[in-house]
Protein backbone atom coordinates (compact mmCIF):
# COMPACT_ATOMS: atom_id res chain seq x y z
CA MET A 1 -6.01 24.76 2.19
CA THR A 2 -2.94 26.98 2.69
CA GLY A 3 0.04 26.34 4.89
CA LYS A 4 -0.31 29.49 7.05
CA VAL A 5 -0.53 29.08 10.87
CA PRO A 6 -2.77 27.62 12.10
CA LEU A 7 -2.44 24.74 9.66
CA PHE A 8 -5.81 23.25 10.67
CA SER A 9 -9.00 24.84 11.85
CA PRO A 10 -11.21 23.11 14.51
CA GLY A 11 -13.70 22.29 11.79
CA SER A 12 -11.15 20.84 9.39
CA THR A 13 -12.07 17.64 7.60
CA VAL A 14 -8.53 16.29 7.92
CA SER A 15 -8.22 13.20 10.14
CA SER A 16 -7.41 13.63 13.84
CA ALA A 17 -4.31 11.53 13.18
CA LEU A 18 -2.50 14.64 11.79
CA PRO A 19 -0.57 16.01 14.87
CA GLY A 20 2.66 14.85 13.25
CA TYR A 21 1.94 16.83 10.09
CA VAL A 22 1.00 19.88 12.16
CA ALA A 23 4.22 19.72 14.10
CA LEU A 24 6.29 19.35 10.94
CA CYS A 25 4.63 22.26 9.19
CA LEU A 26 4.87 24.48 12.32
CA ALA A 27 8.62 23.74 12.36
CA LEU A 28 8.82 24.93 8.77
CA GLN A 29 7.08 28.18 9.79
CA VAL A 30 9.38 28.74 12.83
CA HIS A 31 12.55 28.23 10.81
CA ARG A 32 11.55 30.44 7.90
CA LEU A 33 14.57 32.61 6.95
CA VAL A 34 12.69 35.39 5.20
CA SER A 35 9.07 36.29 4.68
CA ALA A 36 7.49 34.23 1.94
CA GLN A 37 6.82 36.10 -1.29
CA PHE A 38 3.86 33.83 -2.12
CA THR A 39 1.22 31.53 -0.61
CA VAL A 40 0.28 27.94 -1.52
CA THR A 41 -3.35 26.94 -1.80
CA GLY A 42 -4.96 23.55 -2.20
CA PRO A 43 -8.59 22.34 -2.34
CA ASP A 44 -10.66 23.13 0.74
CA HIS A 45 -12.27 19.68 0.71
CA PRO A 46 -10.83 16.12 0.69
CA VAL A 47 -9.93 14.55 -2.68
CA THR A 48 -11.58 11.17 -3.10
CA ALA A 49 -10.20 8.24 -5.12
CA SER A 50 -11.16 4.59 -5.59
CA VAL A 51 -8.85 1.68 -4.88
CA GLY A 52 -7.09 0.73 -8.12
CA GLY A 53 -7.93 4.08 -9.76
CA GLU A 54 -6.03 7.33 -9.75
CA ALA A 55 -6.07 10.60 -7.75
CA ILE A 56 -5.31 14.18 -8.82
CA LEU A 57 -4.01 16.41 -5.97
CA PRO A 58 -3.95 20.10 -7.17
CA CYS A 59 -2.29 23.14 -5.60
CA HIS A 60 -1.23 26.59 -6.87
CA LEU A 61 0.72 29.69 -5.98
CA SER A 62 -0.81 33.04 -5.18
CA PRO A 63 -0.15 35.56 -6.62
CA ARG A 64 0.20 33.83 -10.00
CA MET A 65 3.88 33.27 -10.90
CA SER A 66 6.02 30.68 -12.66
CA ALA A 67 7.22 27.71 -10.60
CA GLU A 68 9.48 26.32 -13.33
CA ASN A 69 12.66 27.12 -11.37
CA MET A 70 11.23 26.40 -7.93
CA GLU A 71 11.44 23.21 -5.84
CA VAL A 72 8.02 21.53 -5.64
CA ARG A 73 7.82 18.69 -3.19
CA TRP A 74 4.94 16.43 -2.16
CA PHE A 75 5.50 14.60 1.06
CA ARG A 76 3.59 12.98 3.92
CA SER A 77 4.73 12.64 7.56
CA GLN A 78 8.45 13.23 6.71
CA PHE A 79 10.02 15.87 4.50
CA SER A 80 12.29 13.22 2.95
CA PRO A 81 11.90 10.75 1.30
CA ALA A 82 9.15 12.48 -0.70
CA VAL A 83 6.06 11.24 -2.48
CA HIS A 84 7.29 13.28 -5.49
CA LEU A 85 10.02 15.85 -5.99
CA TYR A 86 10.51 18.46 -8.75
CA ARG A 87 13.79 20.47 -8.67
CA ASP A 88 16.13 22.19 -11.11
CA GLY A 89 13.48 22.06 -13.81
CA GLN A 90 12.94 18.28 -13.76
CA ASP A 91 11.51 15.42 -11.67
CA GLN A 92 13.94 13.92 -9.17
CA TYR A 93 13.35 10.30 -8.25
CA GLY A 94 16.31 9.65 -5.99
CA GLU A 95 14.46 10.81 -2.85
CA GLN A 96 11.15 9.14 -3.71
CA MET A 97 9.44 6.83 -1.23
CA LEU A 98 9.57 3.19 -2.39
CA GLU A 99 5.82 2.73 -2.23
CA TYR A 100 5.24 5.57 -4.72
CA GLN A 101 7.86 4.65 -7.31
CA GLU A 102 6.48 4.45 -10.90
CA ARG A 103 3.04 5.57 -9.56
CA THR A 104 3.35 9.34 -9.53
CA GLU A 105 3.36 12.07 -12.16
CA LEU A 106 3.64 15.86 -11.71
CA LEU A 107 1.26 17.59 -14.14
CA LYS A 108 3.13 20.68 -15.28
CA ASP A 109 0.98 22.08 -18.10
CA ASN A 110 0.28 25.26 -16.05
CA ILE A 111 3.51 25.43 -14.05
CA THR A 112 4.32 28.83 -15.61
CA ASN A 113 1.12 30.11 -13.91
CA GLY A 114 2.08 28.51 -10.60
CA ARG A 115 -0.42 25.64 -10.98
CA VAL A 116 0.72 21.99 -10.57
CA SER A 117 -1.12 18.76 -9.72
CA LEU A 118 0.19 15.41 -8.53
CA ARG A 119 -1.29 12.34 -10.17
CA ILE A 120 -1.13 9.11 -8.20
CA ARG A 121 -1.97 5.95 -10.10
CA HIS A 122 -3.00 2.46 -8.84
CA ILE A 123 -4.44 3.84 -5.64
CA ARG A 124 -3.87 1.68 -2.55
CA PRO A 125 -5.53 1.82 0.89
CA SER A 126 -2.20 2.99 2.34
CA ASP A 127 -2.40 6.14 0.16
CA ASN A 128 -5.25 7.39 2.38
CA GLY A 129 -4.55 10.49 4.49
CA PRO A 130 -2.89 13.94 4.38
CA TYR A 131 -0.31 15.21 1.87
CA VAL A 132 1.81 18.36 2.01
CA CYS A 133 2.33 20.46 -1.15
CA PHE A 134 5.61 22.42 -0.62
CA PHE A 135 7.03 25.19 -2.87
CA GLN A 136 10.46 26.79 -2.35
CA SER A 137 12.12 29.62 -4.22
CA GLY A 138 15.55 30.58 -2.90
CA VAL A 139 15.06 30.88 0.84
CA SER A 140 11.35 31.49 0.63
CA TYR A 141 8.93 28.62 0.94
CA GLU A 142 5.30 27.89 1.64
CA ASN A 143 3.08 24.83 1.83
CA ALA A 144 -0.51 23.63 1.84
CA ILE A 145 -2.05 20.45 3.24
CA LEU A 146 -4.51 18.28 1.31
CA GLU A 147 -6.35 15.13 2.30
CA LEU A 148 -6.83 12.12 0.09
CA GLN A 149 -9.74 9.88 1.01
CA VAL A 150 -9.41 6.40 -0.47
CA GLU A 151 -12.58 4.45 -1.03
CA GLY A 152 -13.03 0.80 -1.96
CA LEU A 153 -16.40 -0.61 -3.03
CA GLY A 154 -16.29 -4.27 -2.17
CA SER A 155 -17.78 -7.36 -3.71
CA ALA A 156 -21.48 -8.25 -3.76
CA PRO A 157 -22.39 -10.09 -0.53
CA VAL A 158 -22.38 -13.88 -0.74
CA ILE A 159 -25.03 -15.52 1.46
CA SER A 160 -24.64 -19.12 2.53
CA VAL A 161 -26.71 -21.48 4.69
CA GLU A 162 -24.42 -23.19 7.17
CA GLY A 163 -26.64 -25.61 9.06
CA HIS A 164 -28.86 -25.69 12.14
CA GLN A 165 -28.16 -23.61 15.26
CA ASP A 166 -30.23 -22.79 18.35
CA GLY A 167 -33.46 -24.21 16.85
CA GLY A 168 -33.08 -22.31 13.57
CA ILE A 169 -30.96 -21.98 10.46
CA ARG A 170 -27.59 -20.20 10.59
CA VAL A 171 -27.13 -17.93 7.60
CA VAL A 172 -23.80 -16.15 6.93
CA CYS A 173 -23.16 -13.14 4.69
CA ARG A 174 -19.60 -12.43 3.47
CA SER A 175 -18.16 -9.66 1.39
CA ALA A 176 -14.53 -8.54 0.67
CA GLY A 177 -12.56 -5.68 -0.88
CA TRP A 178 -13.84 -2.74 1.19
CA TYR A 179 -12.07 0.42 2.33
CA PRO A 180 -12.40 1.85 4.91
CA GLU A 181 -14.06 -0.67 7.27
CA PRO A 182 -17.55 -1.45 6.08
CA LYS A 183 -20.80 -1.85 8.01
CA ALA A 184 -22.98 -4.90 7.35
CA GLN A 185 -26.67 -5.28 8.32
CA TRP A 186 -29.47 -7.78 7.98
CA ARG A 187 -32.94 -6.47 7.04
CA ASP A 188 -36.40 -7.99 6.67
CA LEU A 189 -38.82 -7.51 3.80
CA GLN A 190 -39.98 -4.17 5.24
CA GLY A 191 -36.38 -2.91 5.44
CA GLN A 192 -36.25 -3.17 9.25
CA ILE A 193 -32.80 -3.93 10.70
CA LEU A 194 -32.59 -7.38 12.24
CA PRO A 195 -30.21 -8.26 15.15
CA SER A 196 -27.23 -10.26 13.96
CA TYR A 197 -25.91 -13.32 15.71
CA SER A 198 -22.27 -12.43 15.17
CA GLU A 199 -20.24 -9.90 13.16
CA LYS A 200 -16.56 -9.85 12.26
CA ILE A 201 -14.46 -7.40 10.25
CA SER A 202 -10.91 -8.45 9.36
CA PRO A 203 -8.09 -6.94 7.23
CA GLU A 204 -6.95 -8.57 4.06
CA ALA A 205 -3.35 -8.81 2.91
CA ASN A 206 -3.80 -5.92 0.46
CA GLY A 207 -4.97 -3.48 3.13
CA LEU A 208 -8.67 -3.80 2.26
CA PHE A 209 -11.30 -5.19 4.66
CA GLN A 210 -13.66 -8.13 4.56
CA THR A 211 -16.76 -8.55 6.68
CA GLU A 212 -18.75 -11.55 7.88
CA ILE A 213 -22.10 -11.23 9.55
CA ALA A 214 -24.33 -14.10 10.70
CA ILE A 215 -28.02 -14.43 11.65
CA VAL A 216 -30.07 -17.31 12.94
CA ILE A 217 -33.45 -17.57 11.20
CA THR A 218 -36.20 -19.42 13.06
CA GLU A 219 -39.37 -20.94 11.61
CA GLU A 220 -41.43 -18.28 13.38
CA SER A 221 -39.36 -15.33 12.13
CA ASN A 222 -39.04 -13.76 8.74
CA GLN A 223 -37.72 -16.39 6.34
CA LYS A 224 -36.71 -13.93 3.59
CA VAL A 225 -33.91 -11.55 4.53
CA SER A 226 -31.35 -9.35 2.81
CA CYS A 227 -27.78 -8.50 3.66
CA SER A 228 -26.39 -5.05 2.83
CA VAL A 229 -22.79 -3.80 3.18
CA ARG A 230 -21.61 -0.22 2.89
CA THR A 231 -18.92 2.16 4.21
CA PRO A 232 -19.57 5.48 5.98
CA ARG A 233 -17.89 7.44 3.14
CA LEU A 234 -19.84 5.85 0.28
CA ASN A 235 -23.37 6.55 -0.80
CA GLN A 236 -23.45 3.19 -2.51
CA GLU A 237 -24.01 -0.20 -0.96
CA ARG A 238 -24.02 -3.83 -2.00
CA GLU A 239 -26.98 -5.99 -1.19
CA SER A 240 -28.05 -9.65 -1.61
CA ALA A 241 -31.15 -11.50 -0.40
CA ILE A 242 -32.12 -15.08 0.44
CA SER A 243 -35.34 -16.98 1.16
CA ILE A 244 -35.28 -19.90 3.58
CA THR A 245 -37.97 -22.53 2.81
CA GLU A 246 -39.59 -24.73 5.43
CA LEU A 247 -37.68 -27.71 4.13
CA PHE A 248 -34.54 -26.35 5.80
CA PHE A 249 -36.07 -26.37 9.32
CA PRO A 250 -35.55 -29.45 11.43
CA ARG A 251 -38.25 -32.14 11.54
CA VAL A 252 -38.30 -35.35 13.49
CA SER A 253 -39.64 -38.16 11.25
CA PRO A 254 -39.22 -41.91 11.23
CA TRP A 255 -37.23 -41.93 8.00
CA MET A 256 -34.89 -39.30 9.44
CA VAL A 257 -34.33 -41.54 12.50
CA ALA A 258 -33.71 -44.52 10.22
CA LEU A 259 -31.31 -42.47 8.13
CA GLY A 260 -29.44 -41.45 11.26
CA VAL A 261 -29.04 -45.08 12.34
CA ILE A 262 -27.83 -46.11 8.87
CA LEU A 263 -25.29 -43.24 8.81
CA ALA A 264 -24.06 -44.24 12.29
CA LEU A 265 -23.57 -47.83 11.16
CA LEU A 266 -21.75 -46.70 8.04
CA ALA A 267 -19.52 -44.49 10.17
CA VAL A 268 -18.43 -47.65 12.03
CA LEU A 269 -18.33 -50.11 9.10
CA ILE A 270 -16.46 -48.04 6.59
CA PRO A 271 -13.36 -47.44 8.80
CA LEU A 272 -13.44 -51.11 9.79
CA ALA A 273 -13.55 -52.21 6.17
CA SER A 274 -10.81 -49.79 5.26
CA TYR A 275 -8.64 -51.17 8.08
CA CYS A 276 -9.20 -54.73 6.94
CA PHE A 277 -8.35 -53.80 3.33
CA TRP A 278 -5.17 -52.06 4.53
CA ARG A 279 -4.15 -55.12 6.62
CA GLN A 280 -4.74 -57.38 3.64
CA HIS A 281 -2.77 -55.10 1.29
CA ARG A 282 0.08 -54.83 3.80
CA ALA A 283 0.24 -58.60 4.22
CA LYS A 284 0.31 -59.04 0.48
CA ASP A 285 3.16 -56.51 0.12
CA LYS A 286 5.07 -58.24 2.91
CA LEU A 287 4.67 -61.62 1.29
CA GLN A 288 5.82 -60.29 -2.10
CA ALA A 289 8.90 -58.73 -0.43
CA GLU A 290 9.71 -62.00 1.36
CA LEU A 291 9.42 -63.89 -1.93
CA ARG A 292 11.85 -61.46 -3.64
CA TRP A 293 14.24 -61.86 -0.76
CA ARG A 294 13.99 -65.69 -0.97
CA ARG A 295 14.76 -65.54 -4.68
CA ALA A 296 17.70 -63.22 -3.98
CA GLN A 297 19.18 -65.72 -1.54
CA LEU A 298 19.60 -68.18 -4.40
CA TYR A 299 22.48 -65.99 -5.61
CA SER A 300 24.48 -65.94 -2.37
CA VAL A 301 28.27 -65.62 -2.57
CA ASP A 302 31.06 -66.35 -0.14
CA MET A 303 32.04 -62.74 0.54
CA THR A 304 35.38 -61.66 2.17
CA LEU A 305 36.95 -58.26 2.78
CA ASP A 306 39.90 -56.80 0.90
CA PRO A 307 42.63 -55.69 3.42
CA ASP A 308 44.41 -53.64 0.76
CA THR A 309 41.40 -51.24 0.66
CA ALA A 310 40.88 -50.97 4.47
CA ASN A 311 41.41 -47.62 6.14
CA PRO A 312 44.29 -47.81 8.71
CA TRP A 313 41.82 -47.36 11.59
CA LEU A 314 39.93 -50.54 10.66
CA VAL A 315 40.69 -53.95 12.11
CA LEU A 316 39.83 -57.02 9.99
CA SER A 317 39.48 -60.57 11.38
CA GLU A 318 41.81 -63.35 10.23
CA ASP A 319 39.10 -64.90 8.06
CA ARG A 320 38.34 -61.37 6.65
CA LYS A 321 34.65 -61.74 7.53
CA CYS A 322 34.55 -59.05 10.27
CA VAL A 323 35.55 -55.42 10.42
CA ARG A 324 35.53 -52.98 13.32
CA TYR A 325 36.89 -49.56 14.19
CA GLY A 326 40.14 -49.84 16.09
CA VAL A 327 41.49 -47.81 19.05
CA THR A 328 44.75 -46.86 17.28
CA ARG A 329 45.71 -46.13 13.71
CA GLN A 330 47.74 -48.93 12.15
CA ASP A 331 50.98 -48.33 10.27
CA LEU A 332 49.97 -49.64 6.87
CA PRO A 333 51.36 -48.97 3.37
CA ASN A 334 49.58 -46.02 1.73
CA ASN A 335 48.91 -47.96 -1.43
CA PRO A 336 46.54 -46.41 -4.11
CA GLU A 337 43.77 -48.94 -3.30
CA ARG A 338 43.50 -47.95 0.37
CA PHE A 339 40.74 -45.55 1.57
CA ASP A 340 42.14 -42.62 3.57
CA PRO A 341 40.73 -40.67 5.38
CA CYS A 342 37.39 -42.43 4.62
CA VAL A 343 36.99 -45.19 7.23
CA CYS A 344 35.66 -47.97 4.98
CA VAL A 345 36.69 -51.18 3.25
CA LEU A 346 35.58 -53.01 0.09
CA GLY A 347 34.75 -56.62 -0.59
CA ALA A 348 37.57 -58.69 -2.11
CA GLU A 349 35.52 -59.72 -5.18
CA GLY A 350 34.32 -57.35 -7.91
CA PHE A 351 31.23 -57.92 -10.05
CA ALA A 352 30.95 -56.85 -13.72
CA GLY A 353 27.71 -58.72 -14.37
CA GLY A 354 25.26 -61.32 -13.03
CA ARG A 355 23.44 -61.44 -9.69
CA ARG A 356 25.03 -61.55 -6.25
CA TYR A 357 23.61 -61.72 -2.70
CA TRP A 358 25.28 -61.40 0.71
CA GLU A 359 24.22 -60.78 4.33
CA VAL A 360 25.77 -58.59 7.00
CA LYS A 361 25.17 -58.67 10.74
CA VAL A 362 24.82 -55.12 12.13
CA GLY A 363 23.61 -56.14 15.60
CA ASP A 364 22.78 -53.19 17.86
CA LYS A 365 25.18 -50.80 16.18
CA THR A 366 23.82 -47.20 15.90
CA ARG A 367 26.02 -46.23 12.90
CA TRP A 368 26.85 -48.17 9.72
CA ASN A 369 26.89 -47.95 5.94
CA LEU A 370 26.33 -50.85 3.55
CA GLY A 371 26.05 -51.14 -0.24
CA VAL A 372 28.12 -51.26 -3.39
CA CYS A 373 30.38 -48.83 -5.24
CA ARG A 374 32.26 -48.63 -8.49
CA GLU A 375 35.80 -50.08 -8.29
CA SER A 376 37.04 -46.88 -9.95
CA VAL A 377 35.95 -44.46 -7.15
CA SER A 378 38.64 -42.25 -5.65
CA ARG A 379 40.18 -43.78 -2.51
CA LYS A 380 41.80 -40.59 -1.22
CA GLY A 381 40.13 -37.58 0.34
CA GLN A 382 36.55 -37.05 1.44
CA VAL A 383 33.74 -38.53 -0.73
CA THR A 384 29.99 -37.88 -1.12
CA LEU A 385 28.00 -41.15 -1.04
CA THR A 386 25.54 -40.74 -3.92
CA PRO A 387 24.82 -42.75 -7.06
CA GLY A 388 26.20 -39.85 -9.13
CA ASN A 389 29.61 -40.43 -7.44
CA GLY A 390 29.44 -44.18 -7.87
CA TYR A 391 27.97 -45.21 -4.50
CA TRP A 392 24.67 -47.06 -3.89
CA VAL A 393 24.52 -47.10 -0.09
CA VAL A 394 22.01 -47.32 2.84
CA TRP A 395 23.04 -46.01 6.22
CA LEU A 396 21.93 -45.67 9.85
CA ARG A 397 22.58 -42.37 11.64
CA ASP A 398 21.07 -41.20 14.98
CA GLY A 399 18.29 -43.75 14.80
CA GLU A 400 17.30 -42.74 11.26
CA TYR A 401 17.63 -45.06 8.24
CA GLU A 402 18.22 -43.42 4.84
CA ALA A 403 18.99 -44.44 1.28
CA LEU A 404 21.76 -42.09 0.09
CA THR A 405 20.05 -40.84 -3.02
CA SER A 406 20.36 -37.17 -3.92
CA PRO A 407 18.71 -35.86 -1.77
CA PRO A 408 18.59 -38.75 0.78
CA THR A 409 15.41 -40.82 1.01
CA PRO A 410 14.17 -41.54 4.59
CA LEU A 411 13.25 -45.24 5.15
CA PRO A 412 10.22 -46.06 7.32
CA VAL A 413 11.62 -48.92 9.49
CA SER A 414 9.16 -50.33 12.03
CA VAL A 415 11.40 -53.23 13.19
CA ARG A 416 15.09 -52.43 13.69
CA PRO A 417 17.21 -54.78 11.56
CA SER A 418 20.00 -56.75 13.24
CA ARG A 419 20.95 -58.35 9.91
CA VAL A 420 20.78 -56.84 6.42
CA GLY A 421 20.67 -58.61 3.05
CA ILE A 422 22.10 -56.93 -0.06
CA PHE A 423 21.15 -58.16 -3.57
CA LEU A 424 22.92 -56.87 -6.75
CA ASP A 425 21.24 -57.53 -10.13
CA TYR A 426 23.84 -56.03 -12.49
CA GLU A 427 21.91 -56.34 -15.76
CA ALA A 428 18.65 -55.09 -14.24
CA GLY A 429 20.50 -52.13 -12.71
CA GLU A 430 19.23 -52.79 -9.19
CA VAL A 431 20.72 -52.86 -5.71
CA SER A 432 18.15 -54.03 -3.13
CA PHE A 433 18.37 -54.02 0.72
CA TYR A 434 16.36 -56.34 3.01
CA ASN A 435 15.63 -56.23 6.70
CA LEU A 436 16.19 -59.87 7.69
CA THR A 437 14.79 -59.38 11.19
CA ASP A 438 11.20 -59.06 9.88
CA ARG A 439 11.95 -60.17 6.30
CA SER A 440 10.86 -56.81 4.86
CA HIS A 441 12.11 -54.81 1.91
CA LEU A 442 14.07 -51.66 2.85
CA PHE A 443 14.93 -49.98 -0.47
CA THR A 444 15.96 -50.62 -4.09
CA PHE A 445 18.30 -48.37 -6.10
CA THR A 446 17.59 -48.38 -9.86
CA ASP A 447 20.41 -47.29 -12.14
CA THR A 448 22.52 -48.27 -15.17
CA PHE A 449 25.79 -49.92 -14.18
CA SER A 450 29.10 -49.97 -16.02
CA GLY A 451 32.48 -51.25 -15.08
CA THR A 452 33.16 -53.42 -12.00
CA LEU A 453 31.17 -52.97 -8.75
CA ARG A 454 32.40 -54.01 -5.32
CA PRO A 455 30.66 -54.41 -1.92
CA TYR A 456 31.08 -51.41 0.43
CA PHE A 457 31.35 -51.51 4.28
CA TYR A 458 31.60 -48.77 6.91
CA PRO A 459 31.45 -49.99 10.56
CA GLY A 460 31.00 -46.51 12.15
CA LEU A 461 33.40 -44.48 14.32
CA SER A 462 33.32 -45.44 17.99
CA THR A 463 35.36 -45.64 21.15
CA GLY A 464 32.98 -48.04 22.89
CA GLY A 465 29.39 -49.11 23.31
CA GLU A 466 27.28 -50.72 20.58
CA ASN A 467 29.42 -49.21 17.77
CA ALA A 468 32.51 -51.05 19.03
CA ALA A 469 30.92 -54.25 17.72
CA PRO A 470 32.08 -55.30 14.25
CA LEU A 471 30.16 -55.67 11.02
CA ILE A 472 30.10 -59.39 10.24
CA ILE A 473 29.61 -61.03 6.84
CA CYS A 474 27.29 -63.94 7.61
CA PRO A 475 26.91 -67.24 5.76
CA VAL A 476 23.56 -67.58 4.01
CA PRO A 477 21.49 -70.46 5.45
CA ALA A 478 21.90 -73.73 3.48
CA GLU A 479 18.10 -73.95 2.80
CA ALA A 480 18.40 -70.73 0.73
CA GLY A 481 19.95 -72.75 -2.11
CA GLY A 482 23.60 -71.74 -2.12
CA ASN A 483 25.46 -70.00 -4.91
CA LEU A 484 23.93 -70.42 -8.39
CA GLY A 485 26.17 -67.91 -10.05
CA PRO A 486 24.97 -65.38 -12.65
């Protein structure tokens, strides 16, 4: 159709959603600087295209003249950005709408006769609707409006039986990939439309539509039905049929009652058996963890703290078994061994082999770090507590226990530990942590060690409350067996 006023006749096939296009084209007419020397004509009927296919939108000048040196613009609701733009004898893609990039082509075989067509590939549902074909030569311009109708023929209906409902069998028909919205119907053998139980049409992520329609078939009604899906634009439809046998309809029989009783018993017995198995498995795991801890206690050492490594904010007891965060910073020599600003301290003894075990009382503290580190770690500046940096540490922060792997590993702790056991097996490359409150295993680091390792302690920053309490290195009970060495 041409772009002369009026742009649309009352009987036009263009969608009623075109007032914006009408206003835009009327504005072009009102602001025309000189009388146009030509008219633009497009097809007088909608152009149809299938989803995934391509569309050809033609338009031409009248009288016949060359458009090689004209501006030819295809656009939709806005003049710019354009669907496609031809200017100065070549295609211009700088003003092209993103959704049409690499999908359009201006067919210029007959451009010297004033005939051009726009090819749109990989048609999408969003391509549906009006397009404006605009020609401009100097200060003269004209336009025509075309309509592209996108159609999508969906998948064959899939019919499924989904159980008993309202004394009958619920049957559901589903189909996807339609455009525009489809219409689904149930029919009997004679082709008569049957009332549906429910119907739902919903959009898909790609702009297409899917439909779901359900029917309840009773024993007295037709037991063979078909489901058809079609759209108002298409003359084609998709159809599937199903036959429901009498076996599907509910019957009350003694064996069915017996089966129901058996299934009810199984529903009770299976969870009970699973719970018992879980309890047995959990008890076995707990026993194995306690046995590993008991064996670890055989390698207990008399651990003390090294004051030369203690941060100036830390206060050590005279026997060097306790460490807490002080209220003032002490004036201590800034020797290379001392941690600063990291508020931590190391054990006095280093281990380059063998097995060692020690226990630390953490009480009700809400912040602490315990573990081992390489003797060669940097003592100055901030550090990241990971095995890659030479630290194998477990900590408590804000009620959460974590092993400081990379990334950290949350530890499921059901009973809060007031005392923690640490076991180092140098040759096996393991550092294990035990909750001595319930004698459970907390975590084991597995790595390859080199050089000397030393125990690591951080009592937490605090000005009072639970965190004011110290970390205390505890003697291992005599019945554990004492120190057996490597």
